[in-house]
Amino acid sequence: MIEKQQPIVALNHPVRSKKTRPPRNNLLLTLKKNDLELNFYSSLDPEIMNKLLEKVLS
C-alpha cells in the first residue's frame, strides 16, 4: 500500500510584535553666554524654550 504524502503547510505565520522605542530626546540647541550654558532638547515644550531664550538673550 502506497500512501499519498502531502506536505505540511503552516496556515499562519507567527506575528512578532515590534518593539516600541520611546522617542529620542535629541539635542536641539546648546547656548553659552558668559558662565551660563544651556542645552535644549526636543522633549522641552517649545513655549518654555522660547521664554527661556527671551530671558537669557535679552
N, C-alpha and C. Protein backbone atom coordinates (compact mmCIF):
# COMPACT_ATOMS: atom_id res chain seq x y z
N MET A 1 0.83 -1.18 0.00
CA MET A 1 0.00 0.00 0.00
C MET A 1 0.87 1.24 0.00
N ILE A 2 0.66 2.03 -0.96
CA ILE A 2 1.38 3.29 -1.05
C ILE A 2 0.44 4.40 -0.62
N GLU A 3 0.86 5.11 0.43
CA GLU A 3 0.03 6.22 0.93
C GLU A 3 0.47 7.52 0.27
N LYS A 4 -0.45 8.34 -0.05
CA LYS A 4 -0.12 9.64 -0.62
C LYS A 4 0.34 10.56 0.51
N GLN A 5 1.50 11.15 0.31
CA GLN A 5 2.01 12.06 1.33
C GLN A 5 1.77 13.49 0.87
N GLN A 6 1.31 14.28 1.78
CA GLN A 6 1.08 15.68 1.47
C GLN A 6 1.96 16.52 2.38
N PRO A 7 2.49 17.60 1.84
CA PRO A 7 3.36 18.46 2.66
C PRO A 7 2.56 19.16 3.75
N ILE A 8 3.24 19.41 4.84
CA ILE A 8 2.63 20.16 5.93
C ILE A 8 2.84 21.64 5.65
N VAL A 9 1.78 22.39 5.65
CA VAL A 9 1.85 23.81 5.32
C VAL A 9 1.32 24.61 6.52
N ALA A 10 2.09 25.60 6.92
CA ALA A 10 1.64 26.46 8.03
C ALA A 10 0.52 27.36 7.54
N LEU A 11 -0.52 27.45 8.33
CA LEU A 11 -1.64 28.31 7.94
C LEU A 11 -1.38 29.78 8.25
N ASN A 12 -0.78 30.02 9.37
CA ASN A 12 -0.48 31.40 9.78
C ASN A 12 0.98 31.49 10.18
N HIS A 13 1.58 32.60 9.84
CA HIS A 13 2.93 32.85 10.33
C HIS A 13 2.81 33.59 11.64
N PRO A 14 3.64 33.25 12.60
CA PRO A 14 3.55 33.97 13.88
C PRO A 14 3.89 35.44 13.68
N VAL A 15 3.10 36.27 14.30
CA VAL A 15 3.31 37.71 14.19
C VAL A 15 4.17 38.17 15.36
N ARG A 16 5.28 38.77 15.01
CA ARG A 16 6.16 39.30 16.06
C ARG A 16 5.83 40.75 16.27
N SER A 17 5.62 41.10 17.50
CA SER A 17 5.31 42.49 17.79
C SER A 17 6.59 43.31 17.70
N LYS A 18 6.46 44.49 17.13
CA LYS A 18 7.62 45.38 17.03
C LYS A 18 7.85 46.03 18.38
N LYS A 19 9.10 46.13 18.73
CA LYS A 19 9.42 46.79 19.99
C LYS A 19 9.22 48.28 19.81
N THR A 20 8.47 48.84 20.70
CA THR A 20 8.24 50.28 20.61
C THR A 20 9.28 50.99 21.45
N ARG A 21 10.02 51.83 20.79
CA ARG A 21 11.04 52.60 21.49
C ARG A 21 10.47 53.95 21.88
N PRO A 22 10.88 54.43 23.01
CA PRO A 22 10.47 55.79 23.34
C PRO A 22 11.16 56.75 22.37
N PRO A 23 10.53 57.86 22.07
CA PRO A 23 11.16 58.79 21.14
C PRO A 23 12.49 59.30 21.69
N ARG A 24 13.39 59.52 20.80
CA ARG A 24 14.70 60.00 21.24
C ARG A 24 14.61 61.44 21.68
N ASN A 25 15.41 61.77 22.64
CA ASN A 25 15.45 63.12 23.17
C ASN A 25 16.67 63.80 22.54
N ASN A 26 16.48 64.35 21.35
CA ASN A 26 17.57 64.91 20.58
C ASN A 26 17.95 66.30 21.07
N LEU A 27 19.22 66.58 21.02
CA LEU A 27 19.72 67.90 21.38
C LEU A 27 19.39 68.87 20.26
N LEU A 28 18.69 69.94 20.58
CA LEU A 28 18.31 70.93 19.58
C LEU A 28 19.26 72.12 19.55
N LEU A 29 19.68 72.56 20.73
CA LEU A 29 20.46 73.78 20.80
C LEU A 29 21.32 73.77 22.05
N THR A 30 22.56 74.20 21.89
CA THR A 30 23.45 74.43 23.02
C THR A 30 23.82 75.90 22.99
N LEU A 31 23.60 76.57 24.09
CA LEU A 31 23.83 78.00 24.16
C LEU A 31 24.76 78.31 25.32
N LYS A 32 25.80 79.09 25.03
CA LYS A 32 26.73 79.50 26.09
C LYS A 32 26.78 81.02 26.10
N LYS A 33 26.52 81.57 27.28
CA LYS A 33 26.57 83.01 27.45
C LYS A 33 27.22 83.28 28.80
N ASN A 34 28.37 83.91 28.77
CA ASN A 34 29.17 84.15 29.97
C ASN A 34 29.44 82.82 30.68
N ASP A 35 28.99 82.68 31.92
CA ASP A 35 29.21 81.44 32.67
C ASP A 35 28.03 80.49 32.60
N LEU A 36 27.04 80.85 31.82
CA LEU A 36 25.82 80.04 31.74
C LEU A 36 25.85 79.18 30.47
N GLU A 37 25.54 77.91 30.64
CA GLU A 37 25.44 77.01 29.50
C GLU A 37 24.08 76.33 29.54
N LEU A 38 23.34 76.43 28.44
CA LEU A 38 22.01 75.83 28.35
C LEU A 38 21.98 74.82 27.21
N ASN A 39 21.40 73.68 27.48
CA ASN A 39 21.19 72.66 26.46
C ASN A 39 19.69 72.44 26.33
N PHE A 40 19.19 72.61 25.12
CA PHE A 40 17.76 72.43 24.86
C PHE A 40 17.56 71.13 24.08
N TYR A 41 16.68 70.31 24.61
CA TYR A 41 16.39 69.02 23.98
C TYR A 41 14.98 69.02 23.40
N SER A 42 14.75 68.09 22.49
CA SER A 42 13.49 68.03 21.76
C SER A 42 12.28 67.77 22.65
N SER A 43 12.48 67.23 23.83
CA SER A 43 11.34 66.95 24.71
C SER A 43 10.83 68.21 25.41
N LEU A 44 11.59 69.27 25.35
CA LEU A 44 11.20 70.51 26.01
C LEU A 44 10.05 71.18 25.27
N ASP A 45 9.09 71.67 26.02
CA ASP A 45 7.95 72.36 25.44
C ASP A 45 8.45 73.63 24.72
N PRO A 46 8.05 73.84 23.46
CA PRO A 46 8.54 75.00 22.69
C PRO A 46 8.24 76.35 23.35
N GLU A 47 7.11 76.46 24.03
CA GLU A 47 6.78 77.73 24.69
C GLU A 47 7.77 78.02 25.82
N ILE A 48 8.10 77.02 26.57
CA ILE A 48 9.06 77.20 27.67
C ILE A 48 10.44 77.54 27.10
N MET A 49 10.81 76.87 26.02
CA MET A 49 12.11 77.16 25.40
C MET A 49 12.15 78.61 24.93
N ASN A 50 11.10 79.10 24.32
CA ASN A 50 11.07 80.49 23.85
C ASN A 50 11.16 81.47 25.01
N LYS A 51 10.46 81.20 26.10
CA LYS A 51 10.52 82.08 27.26
C LYS A 51 11.93 82.12 27.85
N LEU A 52 12.55 80.96 27.95
CA LEU A 52 13.92 80.90 28.47
C LEU A 52 14.89 81.66 27.57
N LEU A 53 14.76 81.46 26.28
CA LEU A 53 15.65 82.14 25.34
C LEU A 53 15.47 83.66 25.40
N GLU A 54 14.25 84.11 25.51
CA GLU A 54 14.00 85.55 25.62
C GLU A 54 14.68 86.13 26.86
N LYS A 55 14.59 85.42 27.96
CA LYS A 55 15.19 85.92 29.21
C LYS A 55 16.71 85.90 29.16
N VAL A 56 17.27 84.85 28.58
CA VAL A 56 18.72 84.71 28.56
C VAL A 56 19.36 85.65 27.54
N LEU A 57 18.74 85.80 26.42
CA LEU A 57 19.33 86.59 25.34
C LEU A 57 19.09 88.09 25.47
N SER A 58 18.18 88.51 26.33
CA SER A 58 17.91 89.95 26.46
C SER A 58 18.76 90.58 27.53
